[in-house]
Amino acid sequence: MTVENFQTLVVALTERRPFHPFTIELTDGQRFEIDHPLVLAYRDGLATFLAPGRIPYWFDHERVSTILEDTANTAA
């Protein structure tokens, strides 16, 4: 994923109100559920995700395969 695409998507998803969870999937299959806008810090294509238990994970835009919006709570 390009730096621009990553930054645009992450900004849009973390700043929307009301906030809705979303998932970041990495190229190795690892997934992070972003369930609060403050668990993800990002800048210039680099991000830090603070997982439950205060475990930090660092990744960059090149490792992002896709960003999925949570559709579990949307009406059919």
C-alpha atoms as a PDB file:
ATOM      1  CA  MET A   1       0.000   0.000   0.000  1.00  0.00           C
ATOM      2  CA  THR A   2       1.330   3.447  -0.818  1.00  0.00           C
ATOM      3  CA  VAL A   3       2.102   5.975   1.902  1.00  0.00           C
ATOM      4  CA  GLU A   4      -0.642   8.241   0.559  1.00  0.00           C
ATOM      5  CA  ASN A   5      -3.323   5.510   0.527  1.00  0.00           C
ATOM      6  CA  PHE A   6      -2.344   4.327   3.991  1.00  0.00           C
ATOM      7  CA  GLN A   7      -2.374   7.823   5.457  1.00  0.00           C
ATOM      8  CA  THR A   8      -5.673   8.793   3.781  1.00  0.00           C
ATOM      9  CA  LEU A   9      -7.489   5.656   4.932  1.00  0.00           C
ATOM     10  CA  VAL A  10      -6.159   5.702   8.483  1.00  0.00           C
ATOM     11  CA  VAL A  11      -6.971   9.389   8.962  1.00  0.00           C
ATOM     12  CA  ALA A  12     -10.495   8.929   7.590  1.00  0.00           C
ATOM     13  CA  LEU A  13     -11.198   5.866   9.729  1.00  0.00           C
ATOM     14  CA  THR A  14      -9.722   7.130  13.007  1.00  0.00           C
ATOM     15  CA  GLU A  15     -11.303  10.575  12.766  1.00  0.00           C
ATOM     16  CA  ARG A  16     -14.855   9.642  11.766  1.00  0.00           C
ATOM     17  CA  ARG A  17     -17.546  10.284  14.344  1.00  0.00           C
ATOM     18  CA  PRO A  18     -18.965   8.237  15.725  1.00  0.00           C
ATOM     19  CA  PHE A  19     -15.896   6.028  15.626  1.00  0.00           C
ATOM     20  CA  HIS A  20     -16.340   2.510  14.184  1.00  0.00           C
ATOM     21  CA  PRO A  21     -13.768  -0.279  14.619  1.00  0.00           C
ATOM     22  CA  PHE A  22     -11.723  -1.364  11.617  1.00  0.00           C
ATOM     23  CA  THR A  23      -9.099  -4.012  10.895  1.00  0.00           C
ATOM     24  CA  ILE A  24      -5.636  -3.662   9.417  1.00  0.00           C
ATOM     25  CA  GLU A  25      -4.350  -6.800   7.712  1.00  0.00           C
ATOM     26  CA  LEU A  26      -0.638  -7.162   7.023  1.00  0.00           C
ATOM     27  CA  THR A  27       0.926  -9.009   4.108  1.00  0.00           C
ATOM     28  CA  ASP A  28       1.903 -11.890   6.436  1.00  0.00           C
ATOM     29  CA  GLY A  29      -1.763 -12.387   7.438  1.00  0.00           C
ATOM     30  CA  GLN A  30      -1.467 -10.751  10.851  1.00  0.00           C
ATOM     31  CA  ARG A  31      -4.497  -8.615  11.737  1.00  0.00           C
ATOM     32  CA  PHE A  32      -5.003  -5.757  14.163  1.00  0.00           C
ATOM     33  CA  GLU A  33      -8.509  -4.723  15.204  1.00  0.00           C
ATOM     34  CA  ILE A  34      -8.505  -0.995  15.790  1.00  0.00           C
ATOM     35  CA  ASP A  35     -11.279  -0.709  18.376  1.00  0.00           C
ATOM     36  CA  HIS A  36     -10.492   2.811  19.583  1.00  0.00           C
ATOM     37  CA  PRO A  37      -9.004   5.767  17.682  1.00  0.00           C
ATOM     38  CA  LEU A  38      -6.162   6.222  20.175  1.00  0.00           C
ATOM     39  CA  VAL A  39      -4.668   2.708  19.920  1.00  0.00           C
ATOM     40  CA  LEU A  40      -3.004   3.613  16.629  1.00  0.00           C
ATOM     41  CA  ALA A  41      -0.302   6.230  16.159  1.00  0.00           C
ATOM     42  CA  TYR A  42       0.850   6.933  12.611  1.00  0.00           C
ATOM     43  CA  ARG A  43       3.006   9.272  10.574  1.00  0.00           C
ATOM     44  CA  ASP A  44       4.597   9.161   7.134  1.00  0.00           C
ATOM     45  CA  GLY A  45       3.561   5.554   6.496  1.00  0.00           C
ATOM     46  CA  LEU A  46       4.808   4.180   9.818  1.00  0.00           C
ATOM     47  CA  ALA A  47       2.379   3.079  12.530  1.00  0.00           C
ATOM     48  CA  THR A  48       2.392   1.764  16.068  1.00  0.00           C
ATOM     49  CA  PHE A  49      -0.542  -0.289  17.292  1.00  0.00           C
ATOM     50  CA  LEU A  50      -0.998  -0.657  21.047  1.00  0.00           C
ATOM     51  CA  ALA A  51      -2.605  -4.073  21.563  1.00  0.00           C
ATOM     52  CA  PRO A  52      -4.411  -5.255  24.695  1.00  0.00           C
ATOM     53  CA  GLY A  53      -1.935  -5.700  27.530  1.00  0.00           C
ATOM     54  CA  ARG A  54      -0.078  -2.601  26.289  1.00  0.00           C
ATOM     55  CA  ILE A  55       1.887  -4.622  23.722  1.00  0.00           C
ATOM     56  CA  PRO A  56       3.201  -2.384  20.924  1.00  0.00           C
ATOM     57  CA  TYR A  57       3.430  -3.521  17.293  1.00  0.00           C
ATOM     58  CA  TRP A  58       5.246  -1.438  14.693  1.00  0.00           C
ATOM     59  CA  PHE A  59       4.561  -1.742  10.978  1.00  0.00           C
ATOM     60  CA  ASP A  60       4.877   0.385   7.874  1.00  0.00           C
ATOM     61  CA  HIS A  61       2.652   1.013   4.875  1.00  0.00           C
ATOM     62  CA  GLU A  62       4.522  -1.552   2.748  1.00  0.00           C
ATOM     63  CA  ARG A  63       3.415  -4.368   5.071  1.00  0.00           C
ATOM     64  CA  VAL A  64      -0.284  -3.391   4.908  1.00  0.00           C
ATOM     65  CA  SER A  65      -2.262  -5.683   2.640  1.00  0.00           C
ATOM     66  CA  THR A  66      -5.695  -4.178   3.253  1.00  0.00           C
ATOM     67  CA  ILE A  67      -7.722  -2.093   5.658  1.00  0.00           C
ATOM     68  CA  LEU A  68     -11.191  -3.458   6.353  1.00  0.00           C
ATOM     69  CA  GLU A  69     -14.053  -1.455   7.747  1.00  0.00           C
ATOM     70  CA  ASP A  70     -16.035  -3.302  10.440  1.00  0.00           C
ATOM     71  CA  THR A  71     -19.378  -4.247   8.957  1.00  0.00           C
ATOM     72  CA  ALA A  72     -20.584  -6.356  11.887  1.00  0.00           C
ATOM     73  CA  ASN A  73     -22.625  -3.500  13.366  1.00  0.00           C
ATOM     74  CA  THR A  74     -24.105  -2.115  10.161  1.00  0.00           C
ATOM     75  CA  ALA A  75     -27.707  -2.663   9.138  1.00  0.00           C
ATOM     76  CA  ALA A  76     -28.391  -5.134   6.357  1.00  0.00           C
END
